[in-house]
Structures are given as C-alpha cells and as structure tokens.
Amino acid sequence: MEITATKARDQLGRLIDRAHSEPVYLTRHNRRVGAIVDVDTLDRLLEAAEELEDIAAYDAAKAEGGESVTLDELRRELGL
C-alpha cells in the first residue's frame, strides 16, 4: 500500500493496523520517503542485516589471511 505523507497524518492509527499485514509506504511527490512496518518484521530485518554484516566481516578477515584464534584465546585477550 502507498499513501502520501500528508494523508498518513490523518490515518495513522489505521495505517499502523494495516502494517501488521503488509508494509505501508509513505510518499511525497510520488516518491517513497518512508514506511510503516510491523515491529516484529523490523526486528527480524535488523537481525538479518546484522548477521549479514557479521558474515561479510568474517569473509573479509578470512580473505586477509589473518591468524586463527580459539574462543578461549579471544576471551583471554579481551579480559573476559
């Protein structure tokens, strides 16, 4: 669903309810400028993005040929 940001102000409660089943895109001058999404969906997306960042960092470190350490060694090094 798409709605202008101006119209969204008047219908915020209804749009939040609608966002439980699908994202609601806010537009300004026929361009998407924001979205209302269900909080559970947002949490899952943020967790997935963090996981992808971790995977990319791991791949980059591995490509550099860095030395491997065990988890116990890392904990000792970090003082944990």
Protein backbone atom coordinates (compact mmCIF):
# COMPACT_ATOMS: atom_id res chain seq x y z
CA MET A 1 0.00 0.00 0.00
CA GLU A 2 1.18 3.52 -0.72
CA ILE A 3 -0.18 6.73 0.76
CA THR A 4 1.02 10.31 0.75
CA ALA A 5 2.71 11.51 3.94
CA THR A 6 0.08 14.25 4.25
CA LYS A 7 -2.83 11.78 4.16
CA ALA A 8 -0.99 9.43 6.52
CA ARG A 9 -1.08 12.02 9.31
CA ASP A 10 -4.86 11.80 9.41
CA GLN A 11 -4.97 7.99 9.27
CA LEU A 12 -2.00 6.93 11.42
CA GLY A 13 -3.94 4.51 13.65
CA ARG A 14 -5.47 2.69 10.68
CA LEU A 15 -2.11 2.56 8.91
CA ILE A 16 -0.41 1.04 11.95
CA ASP A 17 -3.10 -1.66 11.98
CA ARG A 18 -2.59 -2.24 8.24
CA ALA A 19 1.17 -2.55 8.73
CA HIS A 20 0.62 -5.76 10.70
CA SER A 21 -0.17 -7.49 7.41
CA GLU A 22 1.87 -5.51 4.86
CA PRO A 23 4.29 -2.58 4.72
CA VAL A 24 2.69 0.83 4.21
CA TYR A 25 4.85 3.12 2.07
CA LEU A 26 4.67 6.87 2.59
CA THR A 27 5.15 9.00 -0.50
CA ARG A 28 5.92 12.62 -1.19
CA HIS A 29 5.79 13.94 -4.75
CA ASN A 30 5.20 10.36 -5.99
CA ARG A 31 8.47 9.19 -4.38
CA ARG A 32 8.71 6.73 -1.48
CA VAL A 33 10.09 8.57 1.54
CA GLY A 34 9.27 6.23 4.42
CA ALA A 35 7.44 3.14 5.53
CA ILE A 36 5.39 1.82 8.40
CA VAL A 37 6.17 -1.81 9.19
CA ASP A 38 5.18 -4.19 11.94
CA VAL A 39 7.73 -4.11 14.78
CA ASP A 40 8.30 -7.88 14.61
CA THR A 41 9.11 -7.58 10.91
CA LEU A 42 11.50 -4.72 11.61
CA ASP A 43 13.25 -6.70 14.36
CA ARG A 44 13.71 -9.68 12.02
CA LEU A 45 15.09 -7.43 9.27
CA LEU A 46 17.53 -5.74 11.64
CA GLU A 47 18.74 -9.10 12.98
CA ALA A 48 19.20 -10.41 9.44
CA ALA A 49 21.13 -7.28 8.44
CA GLU A 50 23.41 -7.66 11.48
CA GLU A 51 24.01 -11.31 10.62
CA LEU A 52 24.92 -10.36 7.05
CA GLU A 53 27.36 -7.73 8.34
CA ASP A 54 28.97 -10.36 10.59
CA ILE A 55 29.29 -12.77 7.68
CA ALA A 56 30.83 -10.07 5.49
CA ALA A 57 33.31 -9.14 8.24
CA TYR A 58 34.25 -12.80 8.69
CA ASP A 59 34.74 -13.25 4.94
CA ALA A 60 36.88 -10.10 4.76
CA ALA A 61 39.04 -11.22 7.70
CA LYS A 62 39.45 -14.68 6.21
CA ALA A 63 40.43 -13.19 2.84
CA GLU A 64 43.17 -11.17 4.57
CA GLY A 65 44.65 -14.44 5.77
CA GLY A 66 44.56 -13.43 9.41
CA GLU A 67 45.69 -15.82 12.11
CA SER A 68 43.04 -18.02 13.73
CA VAL A 69 42.42 -17.95 17.47
CA THR A 70 40.21 -20.07 19.68
CA LEU A 71 37.29 -18.61 21.57
CA ASP A 72 39.17 -19.08 24.86
CA GLU A 73 42.18 -17.20 23.47
CA LEU A 74 39.95 -14.37 22.35
CA ARG A 75 38.27 -14.18 25.75
CA ARG A 76 41.67 -14.02 27.48
CA GLU A 77 42.85 -11.33 25.09
CA LEU A 78 39.73 -9.27 25.77
CA GLY A 79 39.88 -9.88 29.51
CA LEU A 80 36.56 -11.70 29.66
